[in-house]
Amino acid sequence: MIIVDTALQRRRDEGNPIRVAMVGAGFMGRAIALQILTVVPGMELVAISNRHLDGARRAYLDAGAAVDNVRVVETKAHLEKAISQGQYAISQDSTLLCQANGIDAVIEVTGTIEFAAHVAVQAIEHRKHVIMMNAELEGTLGPILKGYADRAGVVLTGAGGDQPGVLMDLYRFVKGIGVTPVVCGNIKGLLDRYRTPETQREFARMWDQRPHMVTSFADGTKISFEQATIANATGMRVDRRGMHGPTVPPGTPVEEAVRSLPLDRVLDGPGIVDYIVGAAPSPGVFILGLHDHPVQRRFLNLYKMGEGPLYCFYRPYHLCHFEVPNTVARAVLFQDATVAPLGAPRVDVVTTAKRDLRVGEVLDGIGYFMTYGQCENSDVVRCEGLLPIGLAEGCRLKRDIQKDQVLTYADVELPEGRLCDKLRAEQNAHVGLSTEPLSSFDSSPPST
């Protein structure tokens, strides 16, 4: 957003920077720290929380912070003192970052569900904007968390740079010029439902990433969460479980590749989310939009967009961490979410067996050996009692499950005492299949 740079420059000139805290200092967290500390005026990353202090310290030092200006804090008072003295604070306790005065926004970048849910709820309770670089949390609990944020008067948003944020910016642009979006699409270079951390280990090592995270990209779980996030932000749906996801010859221009989608089925209704494997430019995002005004269609043809009535808009890149600071600025300065649920969930990501599973086994996490995620419309998920993959980790199987079978709540025993289950149950109970915004409900966030 062009307006953001001017607003940030003004905050710097006024000596009143946006103060940001970050939870998580892995591959992407370190990149975000580098961007804020080295490039962004009018914004300070005042604190980082991480399971291991060395990781939080590394994020600051890799970004050029002086060793003697990074301070370990163990209490809220110590954190607030560090902020007032211009020191960078690190802590293993994310609660401090959510509670401390002098922090405007919290960036959540752990990729977890249960832990991240605690962070989001605590930050909202203490009136801090929440920026999630965590499509898994958005796709599982985004609607209920958005309801809490609305009532607290803060912004809960997914991050720009990741595909959902980029797609939502493109969606708003397309709508803004009078074109009706009917497909919000993602472009992938590879999809293999049965990839595991073993098959992805070498690629992960080459890019200093975690094997299970890379696996979630390859097995389709991550793109399912991304497209569920977009569906929930736009009101779109999926045309079938798992989406269509056609594969085209590598390098096929996206304007041609979109013909592999069921275009005759997207012209009516709220539109669909989907993806294409092999199209170019990759990795990119695209929107198919409809315009039926004859004069405007003539202009679009003049501008090399084709004869219509469907027009393909795309962005050939997504620059992940580079764009996160803009999301922070939009939330804090303009109360504008980059991508957030409209209200009731429209699409969920359901748990599917990656191999034959046996009674008594305990499910591992996203991107591991036992399950992958697929998009399904939320009304179907509720009707059939399907198990969201964001809640699957730690569940014990009550019966055998065949490879590629979708799991239900009846198939598993949930772990006891999880916040994520409580939030999900509240989301289901309050929202149901309605389209009312969750901000209309007046319950308080659950105790953490």
Protein backbone atom coordinates (compact mmCIF):
# COMPACT_ATOMS: atom_id res chain seq x y z
CA MET A 1 0.00 0.00 0.00
CA ILE A 2 1.57 3.22 -1.12
CA ILE A 3 -0.05 5.28 1.65
CA VAL A 4 1.72 3.20 4.33
CA ASP A 5 5.22 4.47 3.55
CA THR A 6 4.18 8.09 4.06
CA ALA A 7 2.41 7.28 7.31
CA LEU A 8 5.43 5.37 8.66
CA GLN A 9 7.77 8.19 7.67
CA ARG A 10 5.56 10.59 9.60
CA ARG A 11 5.70 8.37 12.69
CA ARG A 12 9.48 8.33 12.48
CA ASP A 13 9.69 12.11 12.05
CA GLU A 14 7.42 12.56 15.06
CA GLY A 15 9.54 10.24 17.17
CA ASN A 16 6.52 8.03 17.73
CA PRO A 17 7.27 4.67 16.10
CA ILE A 18 4.90 1.73 16.04
CA ARG A 19 6.16 -0.70 18.66
CA VAL A 20 5.86 -4.33 17.70
CA ALA A 21 6.52 -7.61 19.51
CA MET A 22 6.97 -10.96 17.80
CA VAL A 23 6.31 -14.49 19.02
CA GLY A 24 8.45 -17.04 17.20
CA ALA A 25 12.01 -16.68 15.92
CA GLY A 26 12.33 -19.46 13.38
CA PHE A 27 13.08 -19.18 9.69
CA MET A 28 10.34 -16.66 8.95
CA GLY A 29 10.56 -14.84 12.28
CA ARG A 30 14.23 -14.06 11.71
CA ALA A 31 13.41 -12.74 8.24
CA ILE A 32 10.71 -10.44 9.65
CA ALA A 33 13.13 -9.13 12.27
CA LEU A 34 15.69 -8.42 9.56
CA GLN A 35 13.14 -6.48 7.52
CA ILE A 36 11.88 -4.32 10.38
CA LEU A 37 15.29 -3.53 11.84
CA THR A 38 17.03 -2.73 8.57
CA VAL A 39 14.42 -1.23 6.23
CA VAL A 40 11.25 0.02 7.88
CA PRO A 41 11.10 3.58 9.24
CA GLY A 42 8.67 4.46 12.00
CA MET A 43 8.49 0.92 13.39
CA GLU A 44 10.47 -0.83 16.13
CA LEU A 45 10.61 -4.53 16.95
CA VAL A 46 10.91 -4.07 20.70
CA ALA A 47 10.62 -7.69 21.88
CA ILE A 48 10.83 -11.27 20.66
CA SER A 49 9.63 -14.35 22.49
CA ASN A 50 10.85 -17.81 21.54
CA ARG A 51 11.02 -21.23 23.19
CA HIS A 52 14.80 -20.95 23.15
CA LEU A 53 16.41 -17.63 24.03
CA ASP A 54 19.27 -18.29 21.64
CA GLY A 55 16.82 -18.23 18.75
CA ALA A 56 15.36 -14.87 19.81
CA ARG A 57 18.84 -13.46 20.35
CA ARG A 58 19.98 -14.72 16.96
CA ALA A 59 17.04 -12.95 15.25
CA TYR A 60 18.20 -9.62 16.65
CA LEU A 61 21.91 -10.17 16.08
CA ASP A 62 21.42 -11.38 12.50
CA ALA A 63 19.50 -8.15 11.88
CA GLY A 64 22.42 -6.05 13.10
CA ALA A 65 21.48 -5.34 16.73
CA ALA A 66 24.39 -4.84 19.12
CA VAL A 67 24.98 -7.72 21.53
CA ASP A 68 24.91 -5.46 24.58
CA ASN A 69 21.57 -3.96 23.53
CA VAL A 70 19.70 -7.29 23.67
CA ARG A 71 18.30 -7.93 27.14
CA VAL A 72 16.68 -11.03 28.65
CA VAL A 73 13.47 -10.15 30.51
CA GLU A 74 11.49 -12.35 32.89
CA THR A 75 8.75 -10.03 34.13
CA LYS A 76 6.34 -7.54 32.63
CA ALA A 77 8.05 -4.73 34.56
CA HIS A 78 11.45 -5.70 33.18
CA LEU A 79 10.06 -5.77 29.65
CA GLU A 80 8.47 -2.35 29.99
CA LYS A 81 11.73 -0.97 31.38
CA ALA A 82 13.70 -2.38 28.47
CA ILE A 83 11.30 -0.78 26.01
CA SER A 84 11.56 2.59 27.75
CA GLN A 85 15.36 2.39 27.60
CA GLY A 86 15.47 1.51 23.92
CA GLN A 87 16.76 -2.02 24.48
CA TYR A 88 15.67 -5.10 22.56
CA ALA A 89 13.96 -7.57 24.88
CA ILE A 90 13.95 -11.34 24.55
CA SER A 91 11.97 -13.81 26.63
CA GLN A 92 10.74 -17.38 26.72
CA ASP A 93 7.43 -16.12 28.12
CA SER A 94 5.13 -14.90 25.35
CA THR A 95 2.60 -13.74 27.95
CA LEU A 96 4.84 -10.80 28.81
CA LEU A 97 4.69 -9.51 25.24
CA CYS A 98 0.91 -9.78 25.19
CA GLN A 99 0.49 -7.93 28.49
CA ALA A 100 3.17 -5.23 28.50
CA ASN A 101 2.41 -1.58 28.00
CA GLY A 102 4.20 0.17 25.17
CA ILE A 103 3.48 -2.53 22.56
CA ASP A 104 0.99 -1.76 19.80
CA ALA A 105 0.87 -5.07 17.96
CA VAL A 106 1.95 -8.69 18.25
CA ILE A 107 3.14 -10.71 15.25
CA GLU A 108 2.43 -14.44 15.69
CA VAL A 109 4.75 -16.55 13.56
CA THR A 110 5.01 -19.96 15.24
CA GLY A 111 2.92 -22.07 12.84
CA THR A 112 1.25 -23.74 15.83
CA ILE A 113 -2.42 -24.00 16.74
CA GLU A 114 -2.79 -24.49 20.50
CA PHE A 115 0.10 -22.26 21.54
CA ALA A 116 -0.74 -19.59 18.97
CA ALA A 117 -4.36 -19.56 20.12
CA HIS A 118 -3.20 -18.68 23.63
CA VAL A 119 -1.02 -15.89 22.23
CA ALA A 120 -3.82 -14.43 20.13
CA VAL A 121 -6.38 -14.50 22.94
CA GLN A 122 -3.98 -12.92 25.45
CA ALA A 123 -2.92 -10.19 23.03
CA ILE A 124 -6.55 -9.38 22.23
CA GLU A 125 -7.48 -9.30 25.91
CA HIS A 126 -4.78 -6.65 26.40
CA ARG A 127 -5.97 -4.59 23.41
CA LYS A 128 -3.11 -5.32 21.04
CA HIS A 129 -3.49 -5.76 17.31
CA VAL A 130 -2.62 -9.31 16.19
CA ILE A 131 -0.85 -10.06 12.92
CA MET A 132 -0.83 -13.76 12.12
CA MET A 133 1.72 -15.28 9.79
CA ASN A 134 -0.05 -18.51 10.61
CA ALA A 135 -2.55 -19.74 8.02
CA GLU A 136 -3.07 -22.87 10.11
CA LEU A 137 -4.51 -20.86 12.98
CA GLU A 138 -6.49 -18.60 10.62
CA GLY A 139 -8.07 -21.56 8.88
CA THR A 140 -9.00 -23.30 12.12
CA LEU A 141 -10.02 -20.55 14.55
CA GLY A 142 -9.87 -17.30 12.61
CA PRO A 143 -13.62 -16.49 12.78
CA ILE A 144 -13.96 -16.73 16.54
CA LEU A 145 -10.69 -14.87 17.16
CA LYS A 146 -11.84 -12.15 14.75
CA GLY A 147 -15.02 -11.82 16.80
CA TYR A 148 -13.01 -11.30 19.98
CA ALA A 149 -10.79 -8.75 18.25
CA ASP A 150 -13.78 -6.79 16.92
CA ARG A 151 -15.28 -6.48 20.38
CA ALA A 152 -11.93 -5.45 21.85
CA GLY A 153 -11.53 -2.75 19.21
CA VAL A 154 -8.34 -4.20 17.73
CA VAL A 155 -7.44 -5.68 14.36
CA LEU A 156 -6.80 -9.37 13.82
CA THR A 157 -5.31 -9.99 10.40
CA GLY A 158 -3.35 -12.40 8.32
CA ALA A 159 -0.06 -11.14 6.96
CA GLY A 160 0.61 -9.57 3.60
CA GLY A 161 3.25 -11.30 1.51
CA ASP A 162 1.84 -14.75 2.19
CA GLN A 163 -0.50 -15.91 -0.57
CA PRO A 164 -3.77 -15.16 1.27
CA GLY A 165 -2.70 -11.57 1.93
CA VAL A 166 -1.52 -11.10 -1.64
CA LEU A 167 -4.71 -12.64 -3.01
CA MET A 168 -6.88 -10.45 -0.80
CA ASP A 169 -5.11 -7.29 -2.00
CA LEU A 170 -5.67 -8.41 -5.58
CA TYR A 171 -9.30 -9.27 -4.81
CA ARG A 172 -9.92 -5.79 -3.42
CA PHE A 173 -8.28 -4.22 -6.46
CA VAL A 174 -10.37 -6.28 -8.89
CA LYS A 175 -13.61 -5.48 -7.07
CA GLY A 176 -12.58 -1.85 -6.87
CA ILE A 177 -12.45 -1.48 -10.65
CA GLY A 178 -15.91 -2.99 -11.03
CA VAL A 179 -14.98 -6.56 -11.95
CA THR A 180 -16.71 -9.36 -10.01
CA PRO A 181 -14.24 -12.00 -8.75
CA VAL A 182 -15.47 -15.55 -9.35
CA VAL A 183 -12.27 -17.56 -8.76
CA CYS A 184 -9.48 -16.81 -6.28
CA GLY A 185 -6.57 -19.02 -7.28
CA ASN A 186 -3.14 -20.08 -6.16
CA ILE A 187 -0.30 -21.44 -8.28
CA LYS A 188 1.80 -24.38 -7.11
CA GLY A 189 4.85 -26.04 -8.58
CA LEU A 190 4.33 -29.40 -6.86
CA LEU A 191 1.64 -31.37 -5.06
CA ASP A 192 2.09 -34.89 -3.67
CA ARG A 193 -0.27 -35.86 -0.85
CA TYR A 194 2.11 -38.51 0.46
CA ARG A 195 5.28 -36.50 1.01
CA THR A 196 6.81 -36.79 4.50
CA PRO A 197 9.58 -35.10 6.48
CA GLU A 198 11.90 -37.83 5.22
CA THR A 199 11.26 -37.08 1.56
CA GLN A 200 11.59 -33.33 2.18
CA ARG A 201 14.56 -33.38 4.55
CA GLU A 202 17.23 -32.41 2.04
CA PHE A 203 15.20 -29.53 0.61
CA ALA A 204 14.52 -28.28 4.13
CA ARG A 205 18.21 -28.49 5.01
CA MET A 206 19.17 -26.52 1.90
CA TRP A 207 16.87 -23.63 2.90
CA ASP A 208 17.34 -23.85 6.67
CA GLN A 209 13.69 -24.75 7.20
CA ARG A 210 11.98 -27.41 9.27
CA PRO A 211 11.19 -30.63 7.35
CA HIS A 212 7.59 -30.82 8.57
CA MET A 213 6.92 -27.25 7.46
CA VAL A 214 8.27 -27.97 3.99
CA THR A 215 6.20 -31.16 3.91
CA SER A 216 3.00 -29.22 4.60
CA PHE A 217 3.75 -27.18 1.47
CA ALA A 218 4.28 -30.29 -0.66
CA ASP A 219 1.38 -32.43 0.58
CA GLY A 220 -1.24 -29.75 -0.04
CA THR A 221 -2.10 -28.94 3.57
CA LYS A 222 -0.66 -25.43 3.50
CA ILE A 223 -2.37 -24.42 0.27
CA SER A 224 -5.61 -25.79 1.71
CA PHE A 225 -5.26 -23.51 4.73
CA GLU A 226 -4.39 -20.58 2.49
CA GLN A 227 -7.41 -21.07 0.27
CA ALA A 228 -9.70 -21.65 3.26
CA THR A 229 -8.48 -18.33 4.63
CA ILE A 230 -9.39 -16.60 1.37
CA ALA A 231 -12.78 -18.30 1.22
CA ASN A 232 -13.58 -17.14 4.74
CA ALA A 233 -12.46 -13.60 3.90
CA THR A 234 -14.49 -13.34 0.68
CA GLY A 235 -17.50 -15.60 1.20
CA MET A 236 -16.38 -18.00 -1.53
CA ARG A 237 -16.57 -21.82 -1.36
CA VAL A 238 -14.87 -24.86 -2.86
CA ASP A 239 -16.49 -26.60 -5.81
CA ARG A 240 -15.58 -30.01 -4.42
CA ARG A 241 -13.64 -31.51 -1.51
CA GLY A 242 -9.93 -30.93 -1.98
CA MET A 243 -10.57 -28.37 -4.74
CA HIS A 244 -9.95 -29.26 -8.39
CA GLY A 245 -6.25 -28.40 -8.52
CA PRO A 246 -5.65 -29.28 -12.18
CA THR A 247 -2.09 -30.00 -13.33
CA VAL A 248 -0.94 -28.33 -16.55
CA PRO A 249 2.32 -28.65 -18.49
CA PRO A 250 5.05 -26.77 -16.58
CA GLY A 251 5.25 -23.12 -17.58
CA THR A 252 1.76 -22.90 -19.07
CA PRO A 253 0.73 -19.22 -18.84
CA VAL A 254 -1.88 -18.77 -16.17
CA GLU A 255 -4.25 -17.12 -18.66
CA GLU A 256 -4.33 -20.47 -20.51
CA ALA A 257 -4.09 -22.70 -17.46
CA VAL A 258 -7.31 -21.35 -15.96
CA ARG A 259 -9.22 -23.09 -18.76
CA SER A 260 -8.54 -26.33 -16.85
CA LEU A 261 -10.92 -25.15 -14.12
CA PRO A 262 -14.70 -25.75 -14.39
CA LEU A 263 -15.42 -22.25 -15.68
CA ASP A 264 -19.02 -23.07 -16.54
CA ARG A 265 -19.68 -23.66 -12.83
CA VAL A 266 -18.22 -20.46 -11.40
CA LEU A 267 -20.37 -17.82 -13.05
CA ASP A 268 -23.23 -18.16 -10.56
CA GLY A 269 -22.99 -18.15 -6.80
CA PRO A 270 -20.38 -16.69 -4.45
CA GLY A 271 -17.34 -17.87 -6.43
CA ILE A 272 -14.78 -20.56 -5.62
CA VAL A 273 -11.24 -20.88 -4.34
CA ASP A 274 -8.91 -23.30 -6.10
CA TYR A 275 -5.35 -23.77 -7.38
CA ILE A 276 -3.39 -24.90 -10.44
CA VAL A 277 -0.20 -26.99 -10.48
CA GLY A 278 2.44 -26.11 -13.06
CA ALA A 279 1.16 -22.76 -14.30
CA ALA A 280 3.39 -19.71 -14.71
CA PRO A 281 4.21 -17.39 -13.12
CA SER A 282 4.99 -19.53 -10.10
CA PRO A 283 4.68 -18.95 -7.24
CA GLY A 284 1.91 -16.50 -7.90
CA VAL A 285 -1.77 -15.90 -7.37
CA PHE A 286 -4.60 -15.12 -9.75
CA ILE A 287 -8.21 -13.99 -9.85
CA LEU A 288 -10.76 -14.67 -12.55
CA GLY A 289 -13.24 -11.85 -12.70
CA LEU A 290 -16.46 -11.26 -14.60
CA HIS A 291 -17.55 -8.06 -16.32
CA ASP A 292 -20.72 -7.87 -18.38
CA HIS A 293 -20.88 -4.19 -19.35
CA PRO A 294 -20.26 -4.00 -23.12
CA VAL A 295 -18.49 -0.64 -23.07
CA GLN A 296 -16.22 -1.59 -20.19
CA ARG A 297 -15.45 -4.91 -21.85
CA ARG A 298 -14.39 -3.03 -24.96
CA PHE A 299 -12.01 -0.96 -22.84
CA LEU A 300 -10.63 -4.07 -21.15
CA ASN A 301 -9.97 -5.55 -24.57
CA LEU A 302 -8.18 -2.35 -25.57
CA TYR A 303 -6.03 -2.70 -22.45
CA LYS A 304 -4.96 -6.22 -23.57
CA MET A 305 -7.13 -8.10 -21.05
CA GLY A 306 -8.99 -10.03 -23.74
CA GLU A 307 -12.58 -10.08 -24.92
CA GLY A 308 -14.07 -11.46 -21.69
CA PRO A 309 -16.48 -11.86 -20.10
CA LEU A 310 -13.92 -13.57 -17.80
CA TYR A 311 -10.68 -11.72 -17.19
CA CYS A 312 -7.52 -13.06 -15.55
CA PHE A 313 -5.65 -10.86 -13.09
CA TYR A 314 -2.51 -12.16 -11.45
CA ARG A 315 0.50 -11.22 -9.39
CA PRO A 316 3.66 -13.16 -10.24
CA TYR A 317 5.26 -13.20 -6.80
CA HIS A 318 4.62 -13.20 -3.07
CA LEU A 319 7.35 -11.74 -0.93
CA CYS A 320 6.41 -13.20 2.47
CA HIS A 321 8.38 -11.40 5.19
CA PHE A 322 9.08 -8.31 3.08
CA GLU A 323 5.41 -7.31 3.25
CA VAL A 324 4.65 -8.08 6.89
CA PRO A 325 5.56 -4.58 8.17
CA ASN A 326 2.97 -3.08 5.81
CA THR A 327 0.34 -5.33 7.38
CA VAL A 328 1.37 -4.11 10.83
CA ALA A 329 1.14 -0.49 9.72
CA ARG A 330 -2.27 -0.99 8.11
CA ALA A 331 -3.61 -2.53 11.32
CA VAL A 332 -2.15 0.00 13.76
CA LEU A 333 -2.47 3.21 11.73
CA PHE A 334 -5.58 2.55 9.66
CA GLN A 335 -7.43 -0.24 11.51
CA ASP A 336 -7.40 -2.12 8.21
CA ALA A 337 -7.01 -5.90 8.05
CA THR A 338 -5.07 -7.31 5.12
CA VAL A 339 -7.06 -10.55 5.27
CA ALA A 340 -9.62 -11.55 7.91
CA PRO A 341 -12.83 -13.62 8.09
CA LEU A 342 -16.09 -11.96 7.08
CA GLY A 343 -18.03 -13.85 9.75
CA ALA A 344 -19.10 -17.49 9.83
CA PRO A 345 -16.53 -19.87 8.30
CA ARG A 346 -17.24 -20.91 4.73
CA VAL A 347 -14.40 -23.43 4.19
CA ASP A 348 -12.46 -25.63 6.61
CA VAL A 349 -9.43 -27.91 6.25
CA VAL A 350 -10.23 -31.51 7.17
CA THR A 351 -7.99 -34.34 8.32
CA THR A 352 -7.23 -37.05 5.76
CA ALA A 353 -5.17 -40.22 6.27
CA LYS A 354 -1.80 -40.16 4.53
CA ARG A 355 -1.42 -43.91 5.16
CA ASP A 356 -3.48 -46.66 6.73
CA LEU A 357 -3.96 -45.73 10.39
CA ARG A 358 -4.55 -48.14 13.26
CA VAL A 359 -6.72 -47.97 16.35
CA GLY A 360 -4.79 -46.63 19.34
CA GLU A 361 -2.31 -44.58 17.30
CA VAL A 362 -1.89 -40.92 18.29
CA LEU A 363 -1.99 -38.52 15.36
CA ASP A 364 1.12 -36.50 14.64
CA GLY A 365 1.09 -32.88 13.50
CA ILE A 366 0.63 -30.95 10.28
CA GLY A 367 3.25 -31.87 7.70
CA TYR A 368 4.31 -35.13 9.31
CA PHE A 369 3.70 -38.78 8.44
CA MET A 370 0.07 -39.60 9.19
CA THR A 371 -2.29 -36.99 7.73
CA TYR A 372 -2.77 -34.28 5.14
CA GLY A 373 -5.38 -31.54 4.89
CA GLN A 374 -8.09 -30.91 2.29
CA CYS A 375 -10.53 -28.03 1.88
CA GLU A 376 -14.20 -28.74 2.44
CA ASN A 377 -17.20 -26.43 2.72
CA SER A 378 -18.00 -25.67 6.34
CA ASP A 379 -21.65 -26.73 6.12
CA VAL A 380 -20.50 -30.18 5.00
CA VAL A 381 -17.88 -30.29 7.77
CA ARG A 382 -20.51 -29.59 10.39
CA CYS A 383 -23.10 -31.94 8.91
CA GLU A 384 -20.69 -34.88 8.67
CA GLY A 385 -18.77 -34.15 11.88
CA LEU A 386 -15.42 -33.97 10.05
CA LEU A 387 -12.26 -33.38 12.08
CA PRO A 388 -10.37 -30.14 11.28
CA ILE A 389 -6.70 -30.93 10.77
CA GLY A 390 -5.79 -27.97 12.95
CA LEU A 391 -7.20 -29.96 15.89
CA ALA A 392 -5.92 -33.42 14.88
CA GLU A 393 -2.50 -33.45 16.53
CA GLY A 394 -2.53 -35.52 19.73
CA CYS A 395 -5.87 -37.20 19.00
CA ARG A 396 -6.01 -40.95 19.67
CA LEU A 397 -7.71 -43.17 17.09
CA LYS A 398 -10.72 -45.15 18.21
CA ARG A 399 -10.85 -47.27 15.03
CA ASP A 400 -8.81 -48.18 11.96
CA ILE A 401 -8.77 -45.61 9.15
CA GLN A 402 -7.92 -46.37 5.53
CA LYS A 403 -5.48 -44.30 3.50
CA ASP A 404 -7.15 -41.19 1.99
CA GLN A 405 -10.19 -41.51 4.27
CA VAL A 406 -11.36 -38.27 5.89
CA LEU A 407 -11.50 -38.49 9.68
CA THR A 408 -14.46 -37.49 11.83
CA TYR A 409 -14.71 -36.46 15.46
CA ALA A 410 -16.27 -39.89 16.09
CA ASP A 411 -13.02 -41.54 14.96
CA VAL A 412 -10.86 -39.98 17.68
CA GLU A 413 -10.48 -39.09 21.32
CA LEU A 414 -9.50 -35.44 21.75
CA PRO A 415 -6.77 -34.49 24.23
CA GLU A 416 -8.17 -32.95 27.38
CA GLY A 417 -8.06 -29.30 28.33
CA ARG A 418 -7.02 -27.67 25.06
CA LEU A 419 -7.94 -24.05 24.41
CA CYS A 420 -8.18 -24.72 20.68
CA ASP A 421 -11.01 -27.21 21.22
CA LYS A 422 -12.85 -24.79 23.48
CA LEU A 423 -12.55 -22.00 20.92
CA ARG A 424 -13.64 -24.27 18.09
CA ALA A 425 -16.67 -25.45 20.05
CA GLU A 426 -17.60 -21.85 20.76
CA GLN A 427 -17.12 -20.95 17.11
CA ASN A 428 -19.44 -23.80 16.09
CA ALA A 429 -22.04 -22.99 18.73
CA HIS A 430 -22.15 -19.23 18.15
CA VAL A 431 -21.78 -19.19 14.40
CA GLY A 432 -23.43 -22.33 13.14
CA LEU A 433 -24.20 -21.84 9.49
CA SER A 434 -25.22 -18.20 9.83
CA THR A 435 -23.51 -15.36 8.03
CA GLU A 436 -23.64 -12.98 10.97
CA PRO A 437 -20.33 -11.40 12.01
CA LEU A 438 -18.91 -12.96 15.15
CA SER A 439 -18.62 -9.47 16.65
CA SER A 440 -22.36 -9.68 17.35
CA PHE A 441 -21.72 -12.17 20.14
CA ASP A 442 -20.92 -10.79 23.57
CA SER A 443 -19.01 -13.58 25.30
CA SER A 444 -15.53 -12.82 26.59
CA PRO A 445 -12.41 -14.68 25.47
CA PRO A 446 -11.92 -17.89 27.46
CA SER A 447 -9.52 -17.85 30.37
CA THR A 448 -6.01 -18.87 29.39
